[in-house]
Amino acid sequence: MSNSSNSLDHLSAEKKRELLAELLQKKAAIEGQGEIPSEYCRFDQYPEYLQLKAQQAQLLSQGIRNPYLQCMKGLLRIQPKLMGKP
């Protein structure tokens, strides 16, 4: 990595001040844009999640239930067996 001060040695004090002011303006502009959109930070605002919720609402409005992970109501009377033992 080269030493950046060597490349600035030939500049006058006034030019160095102008360069510094320009760099500070660029930094301020970048920092102003640095805010991360909330849809990237909050799960309930992810575009994919919102799309899934819209699909679920559309299916429910047509009377189609989710075939995956259905909740079972009541007690199960069947016990699983492994090698003939409950």
N, C-alpha and C. Protein backbone atom coordinates (compact mmCIF):
# COMPACT_ATOMS: atom_id res chain seq x y z
N MET A 1 0.84 -1.18 0.00
CA MET A 1 0.00 0.00 0.00
C MET A 1 0.88 1.23 0.00
N SER A 2 0.60 2.15 -0.89
CA SER A 2 1.44 3.34 -0.99
C SER A 2 1.01 4.40 0.01
N ASN A 3 1.93 5.24 0.35
CA ASN A 3 1.64 6.32 1.29
C ASN A 3 1.02 7.48 0.51
N SER A 4 -0.22 7.81 0.80
CA SER A 4 -0.93 8.84 0.03
C SER A 4 -0.38 10.24 0.26
N SER A 5 0.32 10.46 1.36
CA SER A 5 0.86 11.80 1.62
C SER A 5 1.94 12.16 0.61
N ASN A 6 2.64 11.17 0.06
CA ASN A 6 3.67 11.44 -0.94
C ASN A 6 3.05 12.04 -2.20
N SER A 7 1.86 11.64 -2.57
CA SER A 7 1.24 12.15 -3.79
C SER A 7 0.67 13.55 -3.58
N LEU A 8 0.57 14.00 -2.34
CA LEU A 8 0.03 15.32 -2.05
C LEU A 8 1.11 16.36 -1.77
N ASP A 9 2.35 15.92 -1.73
CA ASP A 9 3.45 16.84 -1.40
C ASP A 9 3.57 17.99 -2.37
N HIS A 10 3.27 17.75 -3.63
CA HIS A 10 3.45 18.79 -4.65
C HIS A 10 2.31 19.82 -4.64
N LEU A 11 1.22 19.56 -3.90
CA LEU A 11 0.07 20.48 -3.87
C LEU A 11 0.33 21.63 -2.90
N SER A 12 -0.20 22.78 -3.27
CA SER A 12 -0.10 23.93 -2.37
C SER A 12 -1.09 23.77 -1.23
N ALA A 13 -0.93 24.57 -0.21
CA ALA A 13 -1.82 24.51 0.95
C ALA A 13 -3.27 24.79 0.54
N GLU A 14 -3.45 25.72 -0.38
CA GLU A 14 -4.79 26.06 -0.85
C GLU A 14 -5.43 24.89 -1.59
N LYS A 15 -4.66 24.22 -2.45
CA LYS A 15 -5.17 23.06 -3.19
C LYS A 15 -5.53 21.91 -2.23
N LYS A 16 -4.72 21.74 -1.18
CA LYS A 16 -5.00 20.70 -0.19
C LYS A 16 -6.31 20.99 0.53
N ARG A 17 -6.54 22.28 0.86
CA ARG A 17 -7.79 22.66 1.52
C ARG A 17 -8.99 22.40 0.60
N GLU A 18 -8.84 22.73 -0.69
CA GLU A 18 -9.93 22.48 -1.64
C GLU A 18 -10.22 20.97 -1.76
N LEU A 19 -9.16 20.19 -1.82
CA LEU A 19 -9.32 18.74 -1.92
C LEU A 19 -10.00 18.19 -0.66
N LEU A 20 -9.59 18.67 0.49
CA LEU A 20 -10.20 18.23 1.74
C LEU A 20 -11.68 18.60 1.80
N ALA A 21 -12.01 19.82 1.37
CA ALA A 21 -13.41 20.24 1.37
C ALA A 21 -14.24 19.37 0.42
N GLU A 22 -13.67 19.04 -0.74
CA GLU A 22 -14.37 18.17 -1.70
C GLU A 22 -14.60 16.78 -1.13
N LEU A 23 -13.58 16.23 -0.48
CA LEU A 23 -13.70 14.90 0.13
C LEU A 23 -14.74 14.89 1.25
N LEU A 24 -14.76 15.94 2.05
CA LEU A 24 -15.74 16.02 3.14
C LEU A 24 -17.17 16.13 2.58
N GLN A 25 -17.34 16.86 1.47
CA GLN A 25 -18.67 16.95 0.85
C GLN A 25 -19.11 15.60 0.32
N LYS A 26 -18.19 14.86 -0.31
CA LYS A 26 -18.52 13.53 -0.82
C LYS A 26 -18.89 12.59 0.32
N LYS A 27 -18.14 12.68 1.42
CA LYS A 27 -18.41 11.82 2.57
C LYS A 27 -19.79 12.13 3.15
N ALA A 28 -20.13 13.40 3.26
CA ALA A 28 -21.43 13.79 3.78
C ALA A 28 -22.55 13.30 2.88
N ALA A 29 -22.34 13.36 1.56
CA ALA A 29 -23.36 12.88 0.62
C ALA A 29 -23.54 11.39 0.74
N ILE A 30 -22.45 10.65 0.91
CA ILE A 30 -22.53 9.19 1.05
C ILE A 30 -23.22 8.82 2.36
N GLU A 31 -22.88 9.49 3.44
CA GLU A 31 -23.49 9.19 4.74
C GLU A 31 -24.98 9.50 4.73
N GLY A 32 -25.40 10.49 3.98
CA GLY A 32 -26.82 10.82 3.87
C GLY A 32 -27.60 9.73 3.17
N GLN A 33 -26.94 9.00 2.28
CA GLN A 33 -27.59 7.91 1.55
C GLN A 33 -27.46 6.58 2.27
N GLY A 34 -26.74 6.54 3.36
CA GLY A 34 -26.38 5.30 4.02
C GLY A 34 -27.48 4.61 4.80
N GLU A 35 -28.66 5.18 4.87
CA GLU A 35 -29.72 4.54 5.65
C GLU A 35 -30.24 3.30 4.93
N ILE A 36 -30.36 2.22 5.66
CA ILE A 36 -30.82 0.95 5.09
C ILE A 36 -32.33 0.95 5.07
N PRO A 37 -32.95 0.64 3.93
CA PRO A 37 -34.41 0.61 3.86
C PRO A 37 -35.00 -0.40 4.84
N SER A 38 -36.15 -0.08 5.41
CA SER A 38 -36.75 -0.94 6.42
C SER A 38 -37.14 -2.30 5.85
N GLU A 39 -37.43 -2.40 4.53
CA GLU A 39 -37.80 -3.70 3.98
C GLU A 39 -36.62 -4.67 3.96
N TYR A 40 -35.39 -4.17 4.20
CA TYR A 40 -34.24 -5.04 4.31
C TYR A 40 -33.95 -5.43 5.76
N CYS A 41 -34.55 -4.72 6.71
CA CYS A 41 -34.25 -4.95 8.13
C CYS A 41 -35.37 -5.68 8.86
N ARG A 42 -36.58 -5.50 8.44
CA ARG A 42 -37.72 -6.07 9.15
C ARG A 42 -38.31 -7.22 8.35
N PHE A 43 -38.40 -8.39 9.00
CA PHE A 43 -38.88 -9.58 8.31
C PHE A 43 -40.28 -9.39 7.76
N ASP A 44 -41.15 -8.72 8.52
CA ASP A 44 -42.54 -8.55 8.07
C ASP A 44 -42.67 -7.59 6.89
N GLN A 45 -41.55 -7.00 6.45
CA GLN A 45 -41.58 -6.13 5.29
C GLN A 45 -40.74 -6.66 4.13
N TYR A 46 -40.21 -7.89 4.26
CA TYR A 46 -39.48 -8.50 3.14
C TYR A 46 -40.43 -8.66 1.97
N PRO A 47 -40.02 -8.33 0.77
CA PRO A 47 -40.90 -8.49 -0.39
C PRO A 47 -41.40 -9.92 -0.56
N GLU A 48 -40.53 -10.90 -0.28
CA GLU A 48 -40.93 -12.30 -0.42
C GLU A 48 -42.01 -12.68 0.59
N TYR A 49 -41.88 -12.18 1.81
CA TYR A 49 -42.86 -12.46 2.85
C TYR A 49 -44.20 -11.82 2.49
N LEU A 50 -44.17 -10.60 2.01
CA LEU A 50 -45.40 -9.92 1.61
C LEU A 50 -46.07 -10.65 0.45
N GLN A 51 -45.27 -11.18 -0.47
CA GLN A 51 -45.82 -11.94 -1.59
C GLN A 51 -46.47 -13.23 -1.09
N LEU A 52 -45.82 -13.91 -0.15
CA LEU A 52 -46.39 -15.14 0.42
C LEU A 52 -47.71 -14.85 1.12
N LYS A 53 -47.76 -13.78 1.88
CA LYS A 53 -49.00 -13.42 2.58
C LYS A 53 -50.11 -13.10 1.58
N ALA A 54 -49.77 -12.45 0.48
CA ALA A 54 -50.77 -12.14 -0.55
C ALA A 54 -51.28 -13.43 -1.19
N GLN A 55 -50.39 -14.39 -1.44
CA GLN A 55 -50.80 -15.67 -2.01
C GLN A 55 -51.70 -16.43 -1.04
N GLN A 56 -51.34 -16.42 0.24
CA GLN A 56 -52.17 -17.10 1.24
C GLN A 56 -53.55 -16.47 1.31
N ALA A 57 -53.63 -15.17 1.27
CA ALA A 57 -54.92 -14.49 1.32
C ALA A 57 -55.76 -14.84 0.09
N GLN A 58 -55.12 -14.91 -1.06
CA GLN A 58 -55.84 -15.25 -2.28
C GLN A 58 -56.37 -16.69 -2.20
N LEU A 59 -55.57 -17.61 -1.72
CA LEU A 59 -56.02 -19.00 -1.59
C LEU A 59 -57.16 -19.12 -0.59
N LEU A 60 -57.05 -18.44 0.54
CA LEU A 60 -58.11 -18.49 1.55
C LEU A 60 -59.41 -17.90 1.02
N SER A 61 -59.32 -16.85 0.20
CA SER A 61 -60.53 -16.26 -0.35
C SER A 61 -61.23 -17.20 -1.33
N GLN A 62 -60.49 -18.15 -1.89
CA GLN A 62 -61.07 -19.13 -2.79
C GLN A 62 -61.43 -20.43 -2.07
N GLY A 63 -61.25 -20.44 -0.77
CA GLY A 63 -61.61 -21.61 0.03
C GLY A 63 -60.58 -22.72 0.01
N ILE A 64 -59.38 -22.44 -0.43
CA ILE A 64 -58.32 -23.45 -0.48
C ILE A 64 -57.46 -23.30 0.77
N ARG A 65 -57.39 -24.39 1.53
CA ARG A 65 -56.60 -24.36 2.76
C ARG A 65 -55.16 -24.75 2.47
N ASN A 66 -54.28 -24.39 3.37
CA ASN A 66 -52.88 -24.76 3.27
C ASN A 66 -52.75 -26.26 3.54
N PRO A 67 -52.25 -27.05 2.58
CA PRO A 67 -52.15 -28.49 2.78
C PRO A 67 -50.98 -28.90 3.66
N TYR A 68 -50.10 -27.98 3.99
CA TYR A 68 -48.91 -28.30 4.76
C TYR A 68 -49.10 -27.92 6.22
N LEU A 69 -48.59 -28.74 7.07
CA LEU A 69 -48.57 -28.47 8.52
C LEU A 69 -49.96 -28.11 9.06
N GLN A 70 -50.92 -28.96 8.77
CA GLN A 70 -52.26 -28.71 9.30
C GLN A 70 -52.29 -29.02 10.79
N CYS A 71 -52.96 -28.18 11.52
CA CYS A 71 -53.10 -28.38 12.95
C CYS A 71 -54.13 -29.48 13.20
N MET A 72 -53.78 -30.37 14.09
CA MET A 72 -54.70 -31.44 14.46
C MET A 72 -55.40 -31.02 15.74
N LYS A 73 -56.72 -31.08 15.73
CA LYS A 73 -57.47 -30.71 16.92
C LYS A 73 -57.86 -31.98 17.66
N GLY A 74 -57.72 -31.93 18.96
CA GLY A 74 -58.07 -33.08 19.77
C GLY A 74 -56.88 -33.99 19.99
N LEU A 75 -57.13 -35.09 20.67
CA LEU A 75 -56.06 -36.05 20.97
C LEU A 75 -55.95 -37.08 19.86
N LEU A 76 -54.73 -37.50 19.63
CA LEU A 76 -54.51 -38.57 18.67
C LEU A 76 -54.68 -39.91 19.38
N ARG A 77 -55.47 -40.77 18.81
CA ARG A 77 -55.71 -42.07 19.42
C ARG A 77 -54.69 -43.11 18.94
N ILE A 78 -54.00 -42.81 17.89
CA ILE A 78 -53.02 -43.75 17.35
C ILE A 78 -51.65 -43.40 17.90
N GLN A 79 -50.98 -44.41 18.44
CA GLN A 79 -49.62 -44.19 18.95
C GLN A 79 -48.64 -44.79 17.95
N PRO A 80 -47.58 -44.09 17.66
CA PRO A 80 -46.59 -44.66 16.75
C PRO A 80 -45.86 -45.82 17.42
N LYS A 81 -45.49 -46.78 16.63
CA LYS A 81 -44.76 -47.92 17.18
C LYS A 81 -43.44 -48.08 16.42
N LEU A 82 -42.42 -48.43 17.17
CA LEU A 82 -41.11 -48.68 16.60
C LEU A 82 -40.70 -50.09 17.02
N MET A 83 -40.55 -50.93 16.05
CA MET A 83 -40.21 -52.35 16.29
C MET A 83 -41.24 -52.99 17.19
N GLY A 84 -42.53 -52.67 16.96
CA GLY A 84 -43.61 -53.29 17.70
C GLY A 84 -43.85 -52.73 19.08
N LYS A 85 -43.09 -51.73 19.51
CA LYS A 85 -43.24 -51.16 20.85
C LYS A 85 -43.70 -49.71 20.71
N PRO A 86 -44.61 -49.27 21.61
CA PRO A 86 -45.06 -47.87 21.58
C PRO A 86 -44.00 -46.90 22.05
